[in-house]
């Protein structure tokens, strides 16, 4: 299989799975899950994945951990979870500013 197609398939599957997990959580907790949290965008050559409209992965600059022994990148799903959590942590840190502390 062509490497760009493999990456696109992996990205699509990861985004779909993570959105499903998060949508189920939001629906159970709040009764609403109407917005996509992870989004995949592509022009056929470049793949971009955003999390709450922030770009967290870009196929041309793949920041995932690279396993030298196997000559492969870490799974995209795990990377997206980690980067999404970093973004949430940064956003949550703004609570103090908004509260006026």
C-alpha atoms as a PDB file:
ATOM      1  CA  UNK A   1       0.000   0.000   0.000  1.00  0.00           C
ATOM      2  CA  UNK A   2       1.172   3.535  -0.787  1.00  0.00           C
ATOM      3  CA  UNK A   3       2.630   5.277   2.301  1.00  0.00           C
ATOM      4  CA  UNK A   4       0.534   8.502   1.948  1.00  0.00           C
ATOM      5  CA  UNK A   5      -2.631   6.380   1.699  1.00  0.00           C
ATOM      6  CA  UNK A   6      -1.593   4.431   4.812  1.00  0.00           C
ATOM      7  CA  UNK A   7      -1.050   7.674   6.717  1.00  0.00           C
ATOM      8  CA  UNK A   8      -4.388   9.089   5.549  1.00  0.00           C
ATOM      9  CA  UNK A   9      -6.179   5.876   6.577  1.00  0.00           C
ATOM     10  CA  UNK A  10      -4.464   5.870   9.986  1.00  0.00           C
ATOM     11  CA  UNK A  11      -5.325   9.554  10.496  1.00  0.00           C
ATOM     12  CA  UNK A  12      -8.950   9.030   9.484  1.00  0.00           C
ATOM     13  CA  UNK A  13      -9.364   6.005  11.768  1.00  0.00           C
ATOM     14  CA  UNK A  14      -7.721   7.786  14.732  1.00  0.00           C
ATOM     15  CA  UNK A  15      -9.868  10.916  14.327  1.00  0.00           C
ATOM     16  CA  UNK A  16     -13.054   8.878  13.956  1.00  0.00           C
ATOM     17  CA  UNK A  17     -12.283   6.709  17.004  1.00  0.00           C
ATOM     18  CA  UNK A  18     -11.304   9.615  19.261  1.00  0.00           C
ATOM     19  CA  UNK A  19     -14.345  11.678  18.247  1.00  0.00           C
ATOM     20  CA  UNK A  20     -16.592   8.713  18.970  1.00  0.00           C
ATOM     21  CA  UNK A  21     -15.079   8.250  22.443  1.00  0.00           C
ATOM     22  CA  UNK A  22     -15.306  11.959  23.260  1.00  0.00           C
ATOM     23  CA  UNK A  23     -18.819  12.337  21.826  1.00  0.00           C
ATOM     24  CA  UNK A  24     -20.089   9.429  23.932  1.00  0.00           C
ATOM     25  CA  UNK A  25     -18.507  10.976  27.028  1.00  0.00           C
ATOM     26  CA  UNK A  26     -20.001  14.426  26.335  1.00  0.00           C
ATOM     27  CA  UNK A  27     -23.424  12.951  25.618  1.00  0.00           C
ATOM     28  CA  UNK A  28     -23.419  10.884  28.813  1.00  0.00           C
ATOM     29  CA  UNK A  29     -22.174  13.788  30.933  1.00  0.00           C
ATOM     30  CA  UNK A  30     -24.015  16.731  29.356  1.00  0.00           C
ATOM     31  CA  UNK A  31     -26.624  15.245  27.008  1.00  0.00           C
ATOM     32  CA  UNK A  32     -24.959  16.983  24.070  1.00  0.00           C
ATOM     33  CA  UNK A  33     -22.164  16.090  21.677  1.00  0.00           C
ATOM     34  CA  UNK A  34     -22.900  18.227  18.654  1.00  0.00           C
ATOM     35  CA  UNK A  35     -19.433  19.389  17.649  1.00  0.00           C
ATOM     36  CA  UNK A  36     -16.458  17.535  16.187  1.00  0.00           C
ATOM     37  CA  UNK A  37     -13.498  17.764  18.502  1.00  0.00           C
ATOM     38  CA  UNK A  38     -10.835  16.306  16.228  1.00  0.00           C
ATOM     39  CA  UNK A  39     -10.988  17.218  12.550  1.00  0.00           C
ATOM     40  CA  UNK A  40      -9.026  15.876   9.613  1.00  0.00           C
ATOM     41  CA  UNK A  41      -8.330  18.174   6.687  1.00  0.00           C
ATOM     42  CA  UNK A  42      -6.485  17.275   3.499  1.00  0.00           C
ATOM     43  CA  UNK A  43      -5.880  18.615   0.038  1.00  0.00           C
ATOM     44  CA  UNK A  44      -4.884  15.161  -1.182  1.00  0.00           C
ATOM     45  CA  UNK A  45      -1.206  15.743  -0.437  1.00  0.00           C
ATOM     46  CA  UNK A  46      -0.974  17.293   3.019  1.00  0.00           C
ATOM     47  CA  UNK A  47      -2.934  16.064   6.054  1.00  0.00           C
ATOM     48  CA  UNK A  48      -3.737  18.324   9.007  1.00  0.00           C
ATOM     49  CA  UNK A  49      -5.472  17.237  12.202  1.00  0.00           C
ATOM     50  CA  UNK A  50      -6.959  19.855  14.478  1.00  0.00           C
ATOM     51  CA  UNK A  51      -8.250  19.574  18.028  1.00  0.00           C
ATOM     52  CA  UNK A  52     -10.871  22.188  18.910  1.00  0.00           C
ATOM     53  CA  UNK A  53      -9.672  24.205  15.882  1.00  0.00           C
ATOM     54  CA  UNK A  54      -5.994  24.115  16.966  1.00  0.00           C
ATOM     55  CA  UNK A  55      -3.616  22.304  14.627  1.00  0.00           C
ATOM     56  CA  UNK A  56      -1.958  19.464  16.538  1.00  0.00           C
ATOM     57  CA  UNK A  57      -0.572  17.304  13.713  1.00  0.00           C
ATOM     58  CA  UNK A  58       0.714  18.080  10.235  1.00  0.00           C
ATOM     59  CA  UNK A  59       1.824  15.313   7.871  1.00  0.00           C
ATOM     60  CA  UNK A  60       4.687  17.371   6.410  1.00  0.00           C
ATOM     61  CA  UNK A  61       6.172  17.930   9.872  1.00  0.00           C
ATOM     62  CA  UNK A  62       5.484  14.668  11.700  1.00  0.00           C
ATOM     63  CA  UNK A  63       6.485  15.207  15.342  1.00  0.00           C
ATOM     64  CA  UNK A  64       5.526  11.732  16.505  1.00  0.00           C
ATOM     65  CA  UNK A  65       8.154   9.628  18.255  1.00  0.00           C
ATOM     66  CA  UNK A  66      10.185   7.643  15.755  1.00  0.00           C
ATOM     67  CA  UNK A  67      11.205   4.059  16.570  1.00  0.00           C
ATOM     68  CA  UNK A  68      14.617   3.560  14.994  1.00  0.00           C
ATOM     69  CA  UNK A  69      14.640  -0.215  15.467  1.00  0.00           C
ATOM     70  CA  UNK A  70      11.375  -0.723  13.595  1.00  0.00           C
ATOM     71  CA  UNK A  71      11.745   2.294  11.296  1.00  0.00           C
ATOM     72  CA  UNK A  72       8.194   3.430  12.179  1.00  0.00           C
ATOM     73  CA  UNK A  73       6.455   6.308  13.889  1.00  0.00           C
ATOM     74  CA  UNK A  74       4.418   5.808  17.051  1.00  0.00           C
ATOM     75  CA  UNK A  75       0.692   5.223  16.413  1.00  0.00           C
ATOM     76  CA  UNK A  76      -1.093   8.438  15.511  1.00  0.00           C
ATOM     77  CA  UNK A  77      -3.961   7.829  17.928  1.00  0.00           C
ATOM     78  CA  UNK A  78      -1.659   7.886  20.956  1.00  0.00           C
ATOM     79  CA  UNK A  79       0.077  11.006  19.686  1.00  0.00           C
ATOM     80  CA  UNK A  80      -3.254  12.791  19.182  1.00  0.00           C
ATOM     81  CA  UNK A  81      -4.402  11.881  22.700  1.00  0.00           C
ATOM     82  CA  UNK A  82      -1.176  13.236  24.191  1.00  0.00           C
ATOM     83  CA  UNK A  83      -1.228  16.461  22.171  1.00  0.00           C
ATOM     84  CA  UNK A  84      -4.937  16.973  22.894  1.00  0.00           C
ATOM     85  CA  UNK A  85      -4.244  16.618  26.608  1.00  0.00           C
ATOM     86  CA  UNK A  86      -1.405  19.166  26.393  1.00  0.00           C
ATOM     87  CA  UNK A  87      -3.757  21.638  24.750  1.00  0.00           C
ATOM     88  CA  UNK A  88      -6.457  21.047  27.374  1.00  0.00           C
ATOM     89  CA  UNK A  89      -3.877  21.584  30.121  1.00  0.00           C
ATOM     90  CA  UNK A  90      -2.840  24.913  28.559  1.00  0.00           C
ATOM     91  CA  UNK A  91      -6.449  26.026  28.194  1.00  0.00           C
ATOM     92  CA  UNK A  92      -7.273  24.995  31.762  1.00  0.00           C
ATOM     93  CA  UNK A  93      -4.330  27.010  33.049  1.00  0.00           C
ATOM     94  CA  UNK A  94      -6.138  30.126  31.783  1.00  0.00           C
ATOM     95  CA  UNK A  95      -8.954  29.603  34.301  1.00  0.00           C
ATOM     96  CA  UNK A  96      -7.020  31.515  36.964  1.00  0.00           C
ATOM     97  CA  UNK A  97      -6.568  34.511  34.677  1.00  0.00           C
ATOM     98  CA  UNK A  98     -10.226  34.552  33.736  1.00  0.00           C
ATOM     99  CA  UNK A  99     -11.290  34.228  37.386  1.00  0.00           C
ATOM    100  CA  UNK A 100      -9.228  37.314  38.183  1.00  0.00           C
ATOM    101  CA  UNK A 101      -6.623  35.695  40.438  1.00  0.00           C
END
